Amino acid sequence: KDRGNPALDQSEVKKFKEGSFSGKPVLARTNELIALAHRHCAGLPIIGCGGIFNAKDAYQKIRLGASLLQLITGMIFEGPQLISEINIGLTTMLKKDGFRYISEAVGADA
């Protein structure tokens, strides 16, 4: 909701007096909040959202503590195939990092 966020196009912000933002502009902040929630509420499910456009974005949120992911803006811009692309990418990243299951990666970087 920080309308002064440098990740936002200020000409777009001025057009809309109300509402929040989604997608890439909120990626950094949502990642901070996921890690914070994981550190303080470990064991509770955390839904990672905000700026997930590929498997790398999804994996980052998982490693910060998200055990579930929510896609909205990424689906709008990338289409429904994004889900299968993320699943394939996650499999590769998990293997590369030595994890057998997503649950093993949850919170690895929190």
N, C-alpha and C. Protein backbone atom coordinates (compact mmCIF):
# COMPACT_ATOMS: atom_id res chain seq x y z
N LYS A 1 0.82 -1.20 0.00
CA LYS A 1 0.00 0.00 0.00
C LYS A 1 0.86 1.25 0.00
N ASP A 2 2.18 1.09 0.01
CA ASP A 2 3.08 2.23 0.01
C ASP A 2 3.09 2.87 -1.38
N ARG A 3 2.36 3.95 -1.53
CA ARG A 3 2.22 4.60 -2.82
C ARG A 3 3.51 5.31 -3.24
N GLY A 4 4.45 5.46 -2.33
CA GLY A 4 5.74 6.08 -2.65
C GLY A 4 6.82 5.06 -3.01
N ASN A 5 6.44 3.80 -3.08
CA ASN A 5 7.38 2.71 -3.40
C ASN A 5 8.07 3.00 -4.73
N PRO A 6 9.41 3.03 -4.77
CA PRO A 6 10.12 3.33 -6.01
C PRO A 6 9.91 2.27 -7.10
N ALA A 7 9.41 1.10 -6.74
CA ALA A 7 9.13 0.06 -7.74
C ALA A 7 7.87 0.37 -8.54
N LEU A 8 7.09 1.34 -8.09
CA LEU A 8 5.84 1.69 -8.76
C LEU A 8 6.06 2.81 -9.76
N ASP A 9 5.33 2.75 -10.86
CA ASP A 9 5.31 3.82 -11.85
C ASP A 9 4.44 4.94 -11.27
N GLN A 10 5.07 6.04 -10.88
CA GLN A 10 4.34 7.10 -10.19
C GLN A 10 3.25 7.74 -11.04
N SER A 11 3.40 7.71 -12.37
CA SER A 11 2.32 8.24 -13.21
C SER A 11 1.07 7.35 -13.09
N GLU A 12 1.27 6.04 -12.92
CA GLU A 12 0.15 5.13 -12.72
C GLU A 12 -0.47 5.33 -11.33
N VAL A 13 0.38 5.53 -10.33
CA VAL A 13 -0.11 5.74 -8.96
C VAL A 13 -1.03 6.95 -8.91
N LYS A 14 -0.66 8.01 -9.61
CA LYS A 14 -1.46 9.25 -9.58
C LYS A 14 -2.83 9.06 -10.22
N LYS A 15 -2.95 8.12 -11.15
CA LYS A 15 -4.23 7.89 -11.83
C LYS A 15 -5.27 7.29 -10.89
N PHE A 16 -4.81 6.56 -9.88
CA PHE A 16 -5.72 5.83 -9.00
C PHE A 16 -5.54 6.29 -7.57
N LYS A 17 -6.55 6.95 -7.03
CA LYS A 17 -6.46 7.51 -5.68
C LYS A 17 -6.67 6.46 -4.60
N GLU A 18 -7.30 5.35 -4.95
CA GLU A 18 -7.58 4.29 -3.99
C GLU A 18 -7.10 2.95 -4.51
N GLY A 19 -6.96 2.01 -3.61
CA GLY A 19 -6.61 0.65 -4.00
C GLY A 19 -5.18 0.30 -3.67
N SER A 20 -4.88 -0.95 -3.85
CA SER A 20 -3.54 -1.45 -3.55
C SER A 20 -2.87 -1.87 -4.84
N PHE A 21 -1.70 -2.46 -4.70
CA PHE A 21 -0.90 -2.83 -5.84
C PHE A 21 -0.58 -4.32 -5.78
N SER A 22 -0.23 -4.88 -6.92
CA SER A 22 0.11 -6.29 -6.96
C SER A 22 1.22 -6.49 -7.98
N GLY A 23 1.66 -7.74 -8.08
CA GLY A 23 2.68 -8.07 -9.07
C GLY A 23 4.09 -7.74 -8.62
N LYS A 24 4.95 -7.49 -9.57
CA LYS A 24 6.37 -7.27 -9.30
C LYS A 24 6.65 -6.11 -8.33
N PRO A 25 5.89 -5.03 -8.36
CA PRO A 25 6.18 -3.94 -7.42
C PRO A 25 6.10 -4.35 -5.94
N VAL A 26 5.36 -5.41 -5.63
CA VAL A 26 5.22 -5.81 -4.22
C VAL A 26 6.12 -7.00 -3.87
N LEU A 27 6.90 -7.49 -4.82
CA LEU A 27 7.71 -8.69 -4.62
C LEU A 27 8.64 -8.59 -3.40
N ALA A 28 9.43 -7.55 -3.33
CA ALA A 28 10.41 -7.42 -2.24
C ALA A 28 9.71 -7.36 -0.88
N ARG A 29 8.66 -6.57 -0.78
CA ARG A 29 7.98 -6.41 0.51
C ARG A 29 7.28 -7.70 0.93
N THR A 30 6.63 -8.38 0.01
CA THR A 30 5.97 -9.63 0.38
C THR A 30 7.00 -10.67 0.80
N ASN A 31 8.16 -10.68 0.16
CA ASN A 31 9.21 -11.62 0.57
C ASN A 31 9.68 -11.33 1.99
N GLU A 32 9.84 -10.05 2.31
CA GLU A 32 10.22 -9.68 3.68
C GLU A 32 9.19 -10.16 4.69
N LEU A 33 7.92 -9.98 4.36
CA LEU A 33 6.85 -10.36 5.28
C LEU A 33 6.72 -11.88 5.42
N ILE A 34 6.97 -12.62 4.35
CA ILE A 34 6.94 -14.08 4.43
C ILE A 34 8.03 -14.57 5.38
N ALA A 35 9.24 -14.05 5.23
CA ALA A 35 10.34 -14.46 6.11
C ALA A 35 10.05 -14.09 7.56
N LEU A 36 9.51 -12.89 7.77
CA LEU A 36 9.18 -12.44 9.12
C LEU A 36 8.12 -13.36 9.74
N ALA A 37 7.07 -13.64 8.99
CA ALA A 37 6.01 -14.52 9.49
C ALA A 37 6.56 -15.91 9.80
N HIS A 38 7.44 -16.42 8.94
CA HIS A 38 8.00 -17.75 9.17
C HIS A 38 8.85 -17.78 10.45
N ARG A 39 9.63 -16.75 10.66
CA ARG A 39 10.47 -16.71 11.87
C ARG A 39 9.63 -16.65 13.14
N HIS A 40 8.51 -15.95 13.08
CA HIS A 40 7.69 -15.76 14.28
C HIS A 40 6.55 -16.76 14.43
N CYS A 41 6.21 -17.43 13.34
CA CYS A 41 5.06 -18.35 13.38
C CYS A 41 5.41 -19.68 12.72
N ALA A 42 6.63 -20.14 12.90
CA ALA A 42 7.05 -21.39 12.27
C ALA A 42 6.07 -22.51 12.59
N GLY A 43 5.74 -23.29 11.59
CA GLY A 43 4.79 -24.38 11.76
C GLY A 43 3.41 -24.05 11.25
N LEU A 44 3.08 -22.76 11.18
CA LEU A 44 1.78 -22.37 10.62
C LEU A 44 1.93 -22.21 9.11
N PRO A 45 0.90 -22.57 8.35
CA PRO A 45 0.99 -22.39 6.90
C PRO A 45 1.04 -20.91 6.55
N ILE A 46 1.93 -20.56 5.66
CA ILE A 46 2.06 -19.19 5.17
C ILE A 46 1.80 -19.22 3.67
N ILE A 47 0.92 -18.36 3.22
CA ILE A 47 0.59 -18.29 1.79
C ILE A 47 1.44 -17.19 1.17
N GLY A 48 2.32 -17.60 0.26
CA GLY A 48 3.18 -16.64 -0.43
C GLY A 48 2.46 -16.09 -1.65
N CYS A 49 2.40 -14.77 -1.72
CA CYS A 49 1.78 -14.13 -2.88
C CYS A 49 2.50 -12.82 -3.16
N GLY A 50 2.26 -12.26 -4.31
CA GLY A 50 2.85 -10.98 -4.66
C GLY A 50 4.07 -11.12 -5.56
N GLY A 51 3.87 -11.02 -6.84
CA GLY A 51 4.98 -11.00 -7.78
C GLY A 51 5.48 -12.34 -8.25
N ILE A 52 4.65 -13.36 -8.24
CA ILE A 52 5.08 -14.68 -8.70
C ILE A 52 4.77 -14.78 -10.20
N PHE A 53 5.84 -14.74 -11.00
CA PHE A 53 5.71 -14.79 -12.45
C PHE A 53 6.46 -15.97 -13.06
N ASN A 54 7.21 -16.71 -12.23
CA ASN A 54 7.98 -17.85 -12.74
C ASN A 54 8.37 -18.76 -11.57
N ALA A 55 9.04 -19.85 -11.89
CA ALA A 55 9.45 -20.81 -10.86
C ALA A 55 10.44 -20.20 -9.88
N LYS A 56 11.31 -19.34 -10.36
CA LYS A 56 12.28 -18.70 -9.47
C LYS A 56 11.58 -17.87 -8.40
N ASP A 57 10.58 -17.10 -8.81
CA ASP A 57 9.81 -16.30 -7.84
C ASP A 57 9.12 -17.20 -6.83
N ALA A 58 8.53 -18.29 -7.31
CA ALA A 58 7.82 -19.22 -6.43
C ALA A 58 8.78 -19.87 -5.44
N TYR A 59 9.92 -20.32 -5.95
CA TYR A 59 10.91 -21.01 -5.11
C TYR A 59 11.47 -20.07 -4.04
N GLN A 60 11.67 -18.83 -4.41
CA GLN A 60 12.16 -17.85 -3.44
C GLN A 60 11.18 -17.72 -2.27
N LYS A 61 9.90 -17.64 -2.57
CA LYS A 61 8.90 -17.52 -1.51
C LYS A 61 8.84 -18.78 -0.65
N ILE A 62 9.00 -19.94 -1.27
CA ILE A 62 9.03 -21.19 -0.51
C ILE A 62 10.23 -21.20 0.42
N ARG A 63 11.39 -20.86 -0.09
CA ARG A 63 12.61 -20.86 0.74
C ARG A 63 12.54 -19.83 1.87
N LEU A 64 11.74 -18.79 1.70
CA LEU A 64 11.57 -17.79 2.74
C LEU A 64 10.54 -18.20 3.78
N GLY A 65 9.73 -19.24 3.47
CA GLY A 65 8.80 -19.73 4.48
C GLY A 65 7.39 -20.02 4.01
N ALA A 66 7.09 -19.77 2.75
CA ALA A 66 5.74 -20.04 2.25
C ALA A 66 5.56 -21.54 2.00
N SER A 67 4.46 -22.07 2.51
CA SER A 67 4.15 -23.48 2.25
C SER A 67 3.04 -23.61 1.21
N LEU A 68 2.42 -22.50 0.88
CA LEU A 68 1.40 -22.43 -0.17
C LEU A 68 1.68 -21.18 -1.00
N LEU A 69 1.26 -21.20 -2.26
CA LEU A 69 1.45 -20.04 -3.13
C LEU A 69 0.12 -19.62 -3.74
N GLN A 70 -0.03 -18.32 -3.94
CA GLN A 70 -1.22 -17.77 -4.59
C GLN A 70 -0.77 -16.98 -5.81
N LEU A 71 -1.34 -17.30 -6.95
CA LEU A 71 -1.00 -16.60 -8.20
C LEU A 71 -2.21 -15.84 -8.69
N ILE A 72 -2.03 -14.56 -8.93
CA ILE A 72 -3.11 -13.79 -9.54
C ILE A 72 -2.53 -13.01 -10.72
N THR A 73 -1.73 -11.99 -10.44
CA THR A 73 -1.19 -11.15 -11.50
C THR A 73 -0.33 -11.96 -12.47
N GLY A 74 0.47 -12.88 -11.95
CA GLY A 74 1.30 -13.72 -12.81
C GLY A 74 0.45 -14.53 -13.78
N MET A 75 -0.67 -15.05 -13.30
CA MET A 75 -1.58 -15.81 -14.16
C MET A 75 -2.19 -14.92 -15.24
N ILE A 76 -2.51 -13.70 -14.88
CA ILE A 76 -3.11 -12.78 -15.84
C ILE A 76 -2.13 -12.49 -16.98
N PHE A 77 -0.87 -12.22 -16.62
CA PHE A 77 0.11 -11.84 -17.64
C PHE A 77 0.78 -13.02 -18.33
N GLU A 78 0.92 -14.14 -17.64
CA GLU A 78 1.63 -15.29 -18.20
C GLU A 78 0.70 -16.38 -18.72
N GLY A 79 -0.52 -16.42 -18.25
CA GLY A 79 -1.48 -17.42 -18.70
C GLY A 79 -1.49 -18.66 -17.84
N PRO A 80 -2.45 -19.56 -18.08
CA PRO A 80 -2.62 -20.74 -17.23
C PRO A 80 -1.47 -21.73 -17.29
N GLN A 81 -0.66 -21.69 -18.35
CA GLN A 81 0.49 -22.59 -18.44
C GLN A 81 1.54 -22.26 -17.39
N LEU A 82 1.42 -21.10 -16.76
CA LEU A 82 2.37 -20.72 -15.72
C LEU A 82 2.44 -21.76 -14.61
N ILE A 83 1.33 -22.36 -14.27
CA ILE A 83 1.30 -23.35 -13.18
C ILE A 83 2.19 -24.54 -13.52
N SER A 84 2.07 -25.08 -14.71
CA SER A 84 2.91 -26.23 -15.07
C SER A 84 4.37 -25.81 -15.22
N GLU A 85 4.62 -24.61 -15.71
CA GLU A 85 6.00 -24.13 -15.82
C GLU A 85 6.64 -23.99 -14.44
N ILE A 86 5.87 -23.52 -13.47
CA ILE A 86 6.38 -23.40 -12.11
C ILE A 86 6.65 -24.79 -11.53
N ASN A 87 5.72 -25.71 -11.71
CA ASN A 87 5.92 -27.07 -11.19
C ASN A 87 7.17 -27.72 -11.76
N ILE A 88 7.39 -27.60 -13.06
CA ILE A 88 8.58 -28.18 -13.69
C ILE A 88 9.84 -27.50 -13.16
N GLY A 89 9.80 -26.18 -13.08
CA GLY A 89 10.96 -25.43 -12.57
C GLY A 89 11.26 -25.75 -11.11
N LEU A 90 10.23 -25.89 -10.29
CA LEU A 90 10.43 -26.22 -8.88
C LEU A 90 11.10 -27.58 -8.73
N THR A 91 10.69 -28.54 -9.54
CA THR A 91 11.31 -29.88 -9.49
C THR A 91 12.81 -29.78 -9.74
N THR A 92 13.18 -29.03 -10.74
CA THR A 92 14.60 -28.86 -11.07
C THR A 92 15.36 -28.17 -9.94
N MET A 93 14.80 -27.10 -9.41
CA MET A 93 15.46 -26.33 -8.35
C MET A 93 15.59 -27.14 -7.07
N LEU A 94 14.55 -27.88 -6.72
CA LEU A 94 14.61 -28.71 -5.52
C LEU A 94 15.73 -29.75 -5.64
N LYS A 95 15.80 -30.43 -6.76
CA LYS A 95 16.84 -31.44 -6.98
C LYS A 95 18.22 -30.81 -6.91
N LYS A 96 18.38 -29.66 -7.55
CA LYS A 96 19.67 -28.95 -7.55
C LYS A 96 20.13 -28.63 -6.14
N ASP A 97 19.19 -28.27 -5.27
CA ASP A 97 19.52 -27.90 -3.90
C ASP A 97 19.51 -29.08 -2.93
N GLY A 98 19.25 -30.28 -3.44
CA GLY A 98 19.30 -31.48 -2.62
C GLY A 98 18.05 -31.77 -1.80
N PHE A 99 16.93 -31.15 -2.17
CA PHE A 99 15.67 -31.41 -1.48
C PHE A 99 14.87 -32.44 -2.25
N ARG A 100 14.22 -33.35 -1.54
CA ARG A 100 13.33 -34.33 -2.18
C ARG A 100 11.91 -33.82 -2.23
N TYR A 101 11.53 -33.00 -1.26
CA TYR A 101 10.16 -32.51 -1.15
C TYR A 101 10.17 -31.00 -0.95
N ILE A 102 9.12 -30.35 -1.41
CA ILE A 102 8.99 -28.91 -1.20
C ILE A 102 9.03 -28.58 0.28
N SER A 103 8.42 -29.42 1.10
CA SER A 103 8.36 -29.15 2.54
C SER A 103 9.76 -29.02 3.15
N GLU A 104 10.75 -29.66 2.56
CA GLU A 104 12.12 -29.55 3.06
C GLU A 104 12.73 -28.18 2.77
N ALA A 105 12.25 -27.52 1.72
CA ALA A 105 12.78 -26.21 1.32
C ALA A 105 12.07 -25.06 2.04
N VAL A 106 10.88 -25.31 2.59
CA VAL A 106 10.12 -24.24 3.24
C VAL A 106 10.93 -23.65 4.40
N GLY A 107 11.21 -22.36 4.27
CA GLY A 107 11.93 -21.66 5.34
C GLY A 107 13.44 -21.82 5.32
N ALA A 108 14.00 -22.45 4.31
CA ALA A 108 15.45 -22.68 4.26
C ALA A 108 16.25 -21.38 4.30
N ASP A 109 15.67 -20.28 3.82
CA ASP A 109 16.39 -18.99 3.80
C ASP A 109 15.80 -17.96 4.76
N ALA A 110 14.89 -18.39 5.64
CA ALA A 110 14.22 -17.42 6.51
C ALA A 110 15.10 -16.93 7.58
